[in-house]
Amino acid sequence: MPHAAPGAFAPESRLDSALATMAVDRPTLVMNPDRVEAQYRALKAGLGFAHIHYAVKANPAAEIVARLVALGSHFDAASRGEIELCLGQGADPARISFGNTIKKTADIAFAHRAGITLFAADAGEELEKIAAHAPGAEVYIRVLVENSEADWPLSRKFGCKPAMVPALFTQAQALGLKPLGLSFHVGSQTRRAEMWAPVLDDVARIWRDLEARGHALTLLNIGGGFPAFYGDPVDTPTTYADRVMALVAERFGAVARVMAEPGRGMVAEAGAIIAEVVLVARKSDDDAHRWVYLDIGRFSGLAETEGEAIRYRIETGRDHDPHGPCILAGPSCDSADVLYEKRPVHLPVTLAAGDRVVIRNAGAYTSSYASVGFNGFPPLDVVVL
């Protein structure tokens, strides 16, 4: 983005124009659904016959869900609330999968009554719950993968070890369910398509073992992992998705049904957060780094700065001034509310309280992490253009 005078932002797009003119009194996420549509179309061009199941948890704005319904998207829902959101925006229940492997029985029953037929599981008890409250449902088994090279790995909590998978397939059949195939997640923000190869190798071995045991597999859910631009180079969505599908084809051959669950790659670049500097300070006269405190922090939308995994690009109206390193933190009375300290960020040395900042490509996993006003600070506001 070209440098601008203090307090001004060059309008390069619909989103940029809004960021330049919008008056806000609290941290505000501004979303451009046109960009979401463009990302959907670009990913679809690369994924080909694979069905896109948008991961609703990435950004549950009703306007975004409605736009994706109109485009013919499928949806990955993690809760009854997300299912209700999708149905309320006109989604066909046949296009919604209940992808969380940890579900209350009442929510399984609700989904079944609503017409949802596809459920995820990774444990025997979960299969028993699905069989009791969604009899005859289709299921896929999520497997635990450990070769992730993602910036935000998603191991341990979800999925079962490969050795458990055959028994779960047999159990599902015995319970009257229809085990169709496997799912996995390579990890969020997997920046290069080639990083998928070791994980796909592992899943393919499980797939072949199941086929050798006589199971007819028809569904492969490759999950998410499609990256957004945060500063490090990433391929275009079409190029990236096309390469992933080529890697899948090399290992699995012709699969009747492939699902992909992009979340970050669909919405991150469609949004930006308007925030404000609250304080610039040093801890001592010889402190090497300034501390810059914003009115948004880890508990009000920037949870993915945990471990400094996701590093957002920050723009200010003073970007033409000299820059220096600083520690970036949020406003709350919690010592963990520090965004970047191990790797300080470089911001203008003239930055001062009251200055407006824009946090770029923040459309994913920000509003969905900011629904509670921790410490009394208001939740992240959301404006959809």
Protein backbone atom coordinates (compact mmCIF):
# COMPACT_ATOMS: atom_id res chain seq x y z
CA MET A 1 0.00 0.00 0.00
CA PRO A 2 1.44 3.47 -0.90
CA HIS A 3 2.45 5.66 1.99
CA ALA A 4 -0.09 8.28 3.00
CA ALA A 5 -0.17 11.37 5.15
CA PRO A 6 -0.70 10.84 8.90
CA GLY A 7 -4.23 9.65 9.55
CA ALA A 8 -5.00 8.89 5.90
CA PHE A 9 -5.15 5.65 3.93
CA ALA A 10 -5.01 5.48 0.15
CA PRO A 11 -8.30 4.01 -1.13
CA GLU A 12 -7.31 1.11 -3.38
CA SER A 13 -10.50 -0.90 -3.10
CA ARG A 14 -13.96 -0.95 -1.61
CA LEU A 15 -12.46 -2.18 1.65
CA ASP A 16 -9.71 0.44 1.64
CA SER A 17 -12.23 3.19 1.01
CA ALA A 18 -14.25 2.09 4.02
CA LEU A 19 -11.15 1.87 6.19
CA ALA A 20 -10.21 5.42 5.22
CA THR A 21 -13.56 7.00 5.98
CA MET A 22 -15.29 4.92 8.62
CA ALA A 23 -15.62 6.48 12.07
CA VAL A 24 -15.48 3.91 14.89
CA ASP A 25 -15.40 4.14 18.67
CA ARG A 26 -14.19 0.58 19.33
CA PRO A 27 -12.10 -2.02 17.50
CA THR A 28 -14.02 -2.90 14.35
CA LEU A 29 -13.60 -5.67 11.81
CA VAL A 30 -14.63 -4.51 8.33
CA MET A 31 -15.45 -7.30 5.86
CA ASN A 32 -15.84 -7.16 2.09
CA PRO A 33 -18.05 -10.07 0.94
CA ASP A 34 -17.03 -9.44 -2.68
CA ARG A 35 -13.51 -10.54 -1.74
CA VAL A 36 -14.93 -13.64 -0.05
CA GLU A 37 -16.72 -14.49 -3.29
CA ALA A 38 -13.52 -13.97 -5.28
CA GLN A 39 -11.62 -16.30 -2.92
CA TYR A 40 -14.36 -18.91 -3.18
CA ARG A 41 -14.26 -18.85 -6.97
CA ALA A 42 -10.46 -18.99 -7.02
CA LEU A 43 -10.33 -21.95 -4.64
CA LYS A 44 -13.08 -23.72 -6.55
CA ALA A 45 -11.16 -23.31 -9.79
CA GLY A 46 -8.22 -25.14 -8.23
CA LEU A 47 -10.16 -27.75 -6.27
CA GLY A 48 -12.17 -28.83 -9.31
CA PHE A 49 -14.71 -31.53 -8.47
CA ALA A 50 -14.03 -31.31 -4.72
CA HIS A 51 -16.83 -29.80 -2.65
CA ILE A 52 -15.96 -26.70 -0.65
CA HIS A 53 -17.35 -26.93 2.89
CA TYR A 54 -16.71 -23.46 4.29
CA ALA A 55 -15.49 -23.70 7.89
CA VAL A 56 -18.10 -21.44 9.47
CA LYS A 57 -16.04 -20.98 12.63
CA ALA A 58 -13.53 -18.87 10.69
CA ASN A 59 -16.05 -16.04 10.39
CA PRO A 60 -19.74 -16.60 11.16
CA ALA A 61 -21.07 -13.31 9.76
CA ALA A 62 -24.55 -14.02 8.41
CA GLU A 63 -23.89 -11.93 5.30
CA ILE A 64 -20.87 -14.06 4.41
CA VAL A 65 -22.77 -17.30 4.92
CA ALA A 66 -25.62 -15.96 2.77
CA ARG A 67 -23.22 -15.02 -0.02
CA LEU A 68 -21.68 -18.48 0.04
CA VAL A 69 -25.12 -20.13 0.04
CA ALA A 70 -25.90 -18.19 -3.14
CA LEU A 71 -22.65 -19.43 -4.68
CA GLY A 72 -23.54 -23.07 -3.97
CA SER A 73 -21.03 -23.66 -1.21
CA HIS A 74 -21.26 -26.49 1.29
CA PHE A 75 -20.58 -25.85 4.98
CA ASP A 76 -18.60 -27.38 7.83
CA ALA A 77 -20.46 -26.68 11.07
CA ALA A 78 -18.96 -27.21 14.51
CA SER A 79 -22.06 -26.64 16.64
CA ARG A 80 -25.83 -26.39 16.70
CA GLY A 81 -25.47 -22.61 16.53
CA GLU A 82 -23.51 -22.79 13.30
CA ILE A 83 -26.01 -25.25 11.84
CA GLU A 84 -28.86 -22.90 12.70
CA LEU A 85 -26.95 -20.00 11.17
CA CYS A 86 -26.46 -21.84 7.87
CA LEU A 87 -30.05 -23.06 7.74
CA GLY A 88 -31.28 -19.57 8.55
CA GLN A 89 -29.42 -18.21 5.53
CA GLY A 90 -31.00 -20.79 3.24
CA ALA A 91 -28.40 -23.55 3.19
CA ASP A 92 -29.60 -27.00 2.14
CA PRO A 93 -29.06 -29.38 5.09
CA ALA A 94 -27.64 -31.88 2.61
CA ARG A 95 -24.78 -29.40 2.10
CA ILE A 96 -23.91 -29.16 5.80
CA SER A 97 -21.63 -31.57 7.60
CA PHE A 98 -21.42 -31.72 11.39
CA GLY A 99 -17.65 -31.73 11.47
CA ASN A 100 -16.89 -31.44 15.17
CA THR A 101 -15.91 -34.80 16.65
CA ILE A 102 -17.14 -33.67 20.09
CA LYS A 103 -20.94 -33.28 20.01
CA LYS A 104 -23.68 -33.24 22.64
CA THR A 105 -26.35 -35.87 22.07
CA ALA A 106 -29.05 -33.20 21.95
CA ASP A 107 -27.18 -31.42 19.16
CA ILE A 108 -26.77 -34.64 17.19
CA ALA A 109 -30.51 -35.23 17.49
CA PHE A 110 -31.23 -31.64 16.41
CA ALA A 111 -28.99 -31.96 13.36
CA HIS A 112 -30.63 -35.25 12.42
CA ARG A 113 -34.11 -33.71 12.67
CA ALA A 114 -32.92 -30.79 10.57
CA GLY A 115 -31.96 -33.16 7.76
CA ILE A 116 -28.19 -33.33 8.22
CA THR A 117 -26.86 -36.77 7.35
CA LEU A 118 -23.05 -36.44 7.51
CA PHE A 119 -21.17 -36.51 10.82
CA ALA A 120 -17.53 -36.70 11.95
CA ALA A 121 -16.26 -39.02 14.67
CA ASP A 122 -12.96 -40.15 16.13
CA ALA A 123 -14.06 -42.30 19.09
CA GLY A 124 -16.26 -45.30 19.77
CA GLU A 125 -18.54 -43.45 22.17
CA GLU A 126 -19.13 -40.74 19.59
CA LEU A 127 -20.25 -43.38 17.09
CA GLU A 128 -22.64 -44.77 19.70
CA LYS A 129 -24.11 -41.30 20.25
CA ILE A 130 -24.56 -40.75 16.52
CA ALA A 131 -26.16 -44.17 16.04
CA ALA A 132 -28.60 -43.52 18.88
CA HIS A 133 -29.62 -40.00 17.85
CA ALA A 134 -29.01 -39.97 14.08
CA PRO A 135 -29.67 -43.59 13.11
CA GLY A 136 -28.35 -44.64 9.72
CA ALA A 137 -26.21 -41.51 9.36
CA GLU A 138 -23.14 -41.25 7.17
CA VAL A 139 -19.90 -40.84 9.10
CA TYR A 140 -16.27 -40.24 8.39
CA ILE A 141 -13.47 -41.00 10.81
CA ARG A 142 -10.98 -38.27 11.60
CA VAL A 143 -7.42 -39.47 11.90
CA LEU A 144 -4.65 -37.88 13.93
CA VAL A 145 -1.77 -36.61 11.80
CA GLU A 146 1.61 -35.67 13.22
CA ASN A 147 3.63 -34.47 10.23
CA SER A 148 2.14 -31.00 10.09
CA GLU A 149 4.39 -28.15 8.99
CA ALA A 150 1.63 -25.58 9.51
CA ASP A 151 2.08 -22.30 11.36
CA TRP A 152 -0.89 -23.32 13.54
CA PRO A 153 -0.78 -27.14 13.96
CA LEU A 154 -4.03 -28.86 14.93
CA SER A 155 -2.81 -32.10 16.45
CA ARG A 156 -3.63 -34.03 19.63
CA LYS A 157 -7.17 -32.84 20.39
CA PHE A 158 -8.88 -34.15 17.25
CA GLY A 159 -8.50 -37.46 15.48
CA CYS A 160 -7.54 -40.96 16.49
CA LYS A 161 -4.32 -42.89 15.98
CA PRO A 162 -4.19 -44.94 12.75
CA ALA A 163 -4.31 -48.25 14.62
CA MET A 164 -7.79 -47.40 15.93
CA VAL A 165 -9.37 -46.67 12.55
CA PRO A 166 -10.26 -50.22 11.39
CA ALA A 167 -12.06 -51.00 14.64
CA LEU A 168 -14.04 -47.76 14.41
CA PHE A 169 -15.12 -48.62 10.86
CA THR A 170 -16.26 -52.05 12.00
CA GLN A 171 -18.07 -50.56 14.98
CA ALA A 172 -19.82 -47.97 12.83
CA GLN A 173 -21.12 -50.69 10.52
CA ALA A 174 -22.29 -52.78 13.46
CA LEU A 175 -24.22 -49.78 14.78
CA GLY A 176 -26.04 -49.34 11.47
CA LEU A 177 -24.07 -46.28 10.42
CA LYS A 178 -22.48 -45.76 7.01
CA PRO A 179 -18.72 -45.20 7.35
CA LEU A 180 -17.75 -43.53 4.09
CA GLY A 181 -14.13 -42.55 4.54
CA LEU A 182 -11.56 -40.48 6.36
CA SER A 183 -10.86 -36.90 7.33
CA PHE A 184 -7.77 -35.14 8.60
CA HIS A 185 -6.45 -31.62 9.01
CA VAL A 186 -2.98 -30.74 7.81
CA GLY A 187 -2.90 -27.71 10.12
CA SER A 188 -4.03 -24.13 9.73
CA GLN A 189 -1.92 -21.77 7.62
CA THR A 190 0.03 -24.44 5.77
CA ARG A 191 1.91 -21.98 3.59
CA ARG A 192 3.08 -24.29 0.77
CA ALA A 193 1.12 -27.05 -0.93
CA GLU A 194 4.17 -29.34 -0.80
CA MET A 195 3.85 -29.36 2.98
CA TRP A 196 0.78 -31.58 2.53
CA ALA A 197 2.78 -34.47 1.07
CA PRO A 198 3.95 -36.22 4.29
CA VAL A 199 0.46 -35.99 5.83
CA LEU A 200 -1.18 -37.31 2.67
CA ASP A 201 1.31 -40.19 2.64
CA ASP A 202 0.25 -41.15 6.17
CA VAL A 203 -3.48 -40.93 5.43
CA ALA A 204 -3.07 -42.88 2.18
CA ARG A 205 -1.53 -45.79 4.11
CA ILE A 206 -4.57 -45.88 6.39
CA TRP A 207 -6.86 -45.69 3.35
CA ARG A 208 -5.14 -48.62 1.63
CA ASP A 209 -5.23 -50.69 4.80
CA LEU A 210 -8.98 -50.17 5.10
CA GLU A 211 -9.49 -51.15 1.47
CA ALA A 212 -7.43 -54.29 2.07
CA ARG A 213 -9.76 -55.13 4.94
CA GLY A 214 -12.73 -54.99 2.57
CA HIS A 215 -14.06 -51.50 3.27
CA ALA A 216 -15.34 -49.56 0.26
CA LEU A 217 -14.22 -45.97 0.79
CA THR A 218 -15.92 -43.18 -1.13
CA LEU A 219 -15.17 -40.00 0.86
CA LEU A 220 -11.93 -38.17 1.62
CA ASN A 221 -12.21 -34.98 3.66
CA ILE A 222 -8.92 -33.11 3.30
CA GLY A 223 -9.93 -30.44 5.82
CA GLY A 224 -8.54 -26.92 5.79
CA GLY A 225 -5.03 -25.52 5.84
CA PHE A 226 -5.41 -23.21 2.83
CA PRO A 227 -3.30 -20.17 3.70
CA ALA A 228 -3.82 -16.43 3.75
CA PHE A 229 -1.21 -13.75 3.09
CA TYR A 230 0.33 -12.36 6.26
CA GLY A 231 3.60 -11.18 4.77
CA ASP A 232 5.33 -14.43 3.79
CA PRO A 233 4.75 -15.37 0.15
CA VAL A 234 1.92 -17.80 -0.61
CA ASP A 235 0.64 -19.10 -3.92
CA THR A 236 -2.60 -17.84 -5.40
CA PRO A 237 -5.62 -19.81 -4.15
CA THR A 238 -6.13 -21.49 -7.51
CA THR A 239 -2.50 -22.54 -7.90
CA TYR A 240 -2.31 -23.78 -4.31
CA ALA A 241 -5.58 -25.74 -4.45
CA ASP A 242 -4.73 -27.26 -7.82
CA ARG A 243 -1.40 -28.51 -6.47
CA VAL A 244 -3.05 -29.99 -3.37
CA MET A 245 -5.53 -31.86 -5.54
CA ALA A 246 -2.69 -33.17 -7.69
CA LEU A 247 -0.96 -34.47 -4.55
CA VAL A 248 -4.23 -36.13 -3.49
CA ALA A 249 -4.69 -37.77 -6.89
CA GLU A 250 -1.13 -39.11 -6.86
CA ARG A 251 -1.78 -40.95 -3.58
CA PHE A 252 -5.47 -41.85 -3.65
CA GLY A 253 -6.30 -42.16 -7.33
CA ALA A 254 -9.93 -41.57 -8.24
CA VAL A 255 -11.97 -40.81 -5.11
CA ALA A 256 -15.70 -40.54 -5.61
CA ARG A 257 -16.12 -37.63 -3.22
CA VAL A 258 -13.56 -35.15 -1.91
CA MET A 259 -14.37 -32.46 0.65
CA ALA A 260 -12.24 -29.43 1.50
CA GLU A 261 -12.90 -27.14 4.45
CA PRO A 262 -11.24 -23.77 3.83
CA GLY A 263 -11.84 -21.12 6.46
CA ARG A 264 -8.83 -18.83 6.77
CA GLY A 265 -8.09 -19.07 3.05
CA MET A 266 -11.63 -17.96 2.29
CA VAL A 267 -12.12 -14.96 4.56
CA ALA A 268 -8.86 -13.71 6.09
CA GLU A 269 -7.90 -11.41 3.24
CA ALA A 270 -11.45 -10.08 2.96
CA GLY A 271 -11.26 -8.21 6.26
CA ALA A 272 -9.26 -5.68 8.25
CA ILE A 273 -9.54 -4.37 11.79
CA ILE A 274 -9.60 -0.69 12.64
CA ALA A 275 -7.97 -0.19 16.04
CA GLU A 276 -6.34 2.56 18.09
CA VAL A 277 -3.12 3.06 19.98
CA VAL A 278 -3.88 3.49 23.69
CA LEU A 279 -0.37 4.00 25.04
CA VAL A 280 3.28 4.02 23.97
CA ALA A 281 5.72 3.51 26.86
CA ARG A 282 9.06 2.09 27.99
CA LYS A 283 9.70 0.05 31.12
CA SER A 284 12.94 1.91 31.87
CA ASP A 285 15.02 4.75 30.47
CA ASP A 286 17.34 2.25 28.80
CA ASP A 287 14.64 -0.15 27.60
CA ALA A 288 15.58 -1.35 24.10
CA HIS A 289 11.98 -1.64 22.97
CA ARG A 290 8.89 0.50 23.25
CA TRP A 291 5.70 -1.09 24.43
CA VAL A 292 2.77 -0.21 22.15
CA TYR A 293 -0.65 -0.98 23.63
CA LEU A 294 -3.66 -1.24 21.34
CA ASP A 295 -7.35 -1.19 22.23
CA ILE A 296 -7.57 -4.77 20.90
CA GLY A 297 -5.68 -7.77 22.24
CA ARG A 298 -5.62 -11.53 22.57
CA PHE A 299 -8.94 -11.61 24.44
CA SER A 300 -10.81 -9.31 22.07
CA GLY A 301 -10.10 -10.82 18.68
CA LEU A 302 -6.38 -11.52 18.25
CA ALA A 303 -6.27 -14.94 19.92
CA GLU A 304 -4.20 -16.35 17.07
CA THR A 305 -1.22 -14.32 18.23
CA GLU A 306 -0.85 -17.10 20.83
CA GLY A 307 2.73 -18.26 20.47
CA GLU A 308 3.12 -15.50 17.86
CA ALA A 309 1.85 -18.04 15.32
CA ILE A 310 -0.11 -15.63 13.14
CA ARG A 311 1.68 -12.35 12.52
CA TYR A 312 -0.70 -9.73 11.22
CA ARG A 313 0.45 -6.85 9.05
CA ILE A 314 -0.16 -3.51 10.74
CA GLU A 315 -0.49 -0.21 8.89
CA THR A 316 -0.59 3.27 10.34
CA GLY A 317 -1.01 6.78 9.06
CA ARG A 318 2.64 7.43 9.99
CA ASP A 319 4.23 4.72 7.90
CA HIS A 320 6.39 7.28 6.07
CA ASP A 321 8.24 8.01 9.35
CA PRO A 322 11.29 6.07 10.59
CA HIS A 323 10.44 2.70 12.16
CA GLY A 324 11.77 0.91 15.21
CA PRO A 325 11.13 -2.34 17.08
CA CYS A 326 8.39 -2.51 19.69
CA ILE A 327 6.53 -5.01 21.81
CA LEU A 328 2.83 -5.05 20.89
CA ALA A 329 0.22 -5.71 23.56
CA GLY A 330 -3.49 -5.50 24.22
CA PRO A 331 -5.34 -3.32 26.74
CA SER A 332 -6.61 -5.84 29.29
CA CYS A 333 -5.44 -6.34 32.87
CA ASP A 334 -3.97 -9.74 32.07
CA SER A 335 -0.23 -10.23 31.74
CA ALA A 336 -0.78 -12.81 28.98
CA ASP A 337 -2.33 -10.15 26.75
CA VAL A 338 0.89 -9.61 24.81
CA LEU A 339 0.77 -10.07 21.05
CA TYR A 340 4.36 -9.94 19.82
CA GLU A 341 7.39 -9.92 22.13
CA LYS A 342 9.73 -12.73 21.07
CA ARG A 343 9.83 -11.19 17.62
CA PRO A 344 9.13 -7.48 18.08
CA VAL A 345 7.28 -5.66 15.33
CA HIS A 346 8.60 -2.55 13.58
CA LEU A 347 6.29 0.44 13.81
CA PRO A 348 6.81 4.19 13.32
CA VAL A 349 8.85 5.81 16.09
CA THR A 350 6.39 8.72 16.06
CA LEU A 351 3.42 6.51 16.95
CA ALA A 352 1.39 7.96 19.83
CA ALA A 353 -1.79 7.41 21.83
CA GLY A 354 -4.88 8.09 19.75
CA ASP A 355 -3.30 7.05 16.44
CA ARG A 356 -5.43 4.85 14.24
CA VAL A 357 -4.00 1.54 13.04
CA VAL A 358 -5.28 -1.01 10.54
CA ILE A 359 -4.63 -4.72 11.09
CA ARG A 360 -4.68 -6.28 7.64
CA ASN A 361 -6.01 -9.66 6.50
CA ALA A 362 -7.77 -10.19 9.82
CA GLY A 363 -11.05 -11.58 8.52
CA ALA A 364 -10.52 -15.09 9.94
CA TYR A 365 -10.68 -16.22 13.56
CA THR A 366 -11.03 -12.72 15.00
CA SER A 367 -14.73 -11.94 15.43
CA SER A 368 -15.39 -15.58 16.33
CA TYR A 369 -12.86 -15.33 19.18
CA ALA A 370 -14.20 -12.00 20.44
CA SER A 371 -17.79 -12.56 21.53
CA VAL A 372 -17.26 -11.90 25.22
CA GLY A 373 -16.30 -8.54 26.69
CA PHE A 374 -13.34 -9.67 28.83
CA ASN A 375 -12.40 -7.06 31.47
CA GLY A 376 -15.40 -5.03 30.35
CA PHE A 377 -13.83 -4.13 27.03
CA PRO A 378 -16.45 -4.37 24.26
CA PRO A 379 -16.35 -7.34 21.87
CA LEU A 380 -14.96 -6.73 18.41
CA ASP A 381 -17.56 -4.96 16.30
CA VAL A 382 -18.19 -6.29 12.80
CA VAL A 383 -19.25 -4.30 9.74
CA VAL A 384 -19.98 -6.13 6.48
CA LEU A 385 -19.92 -3.82 3.48
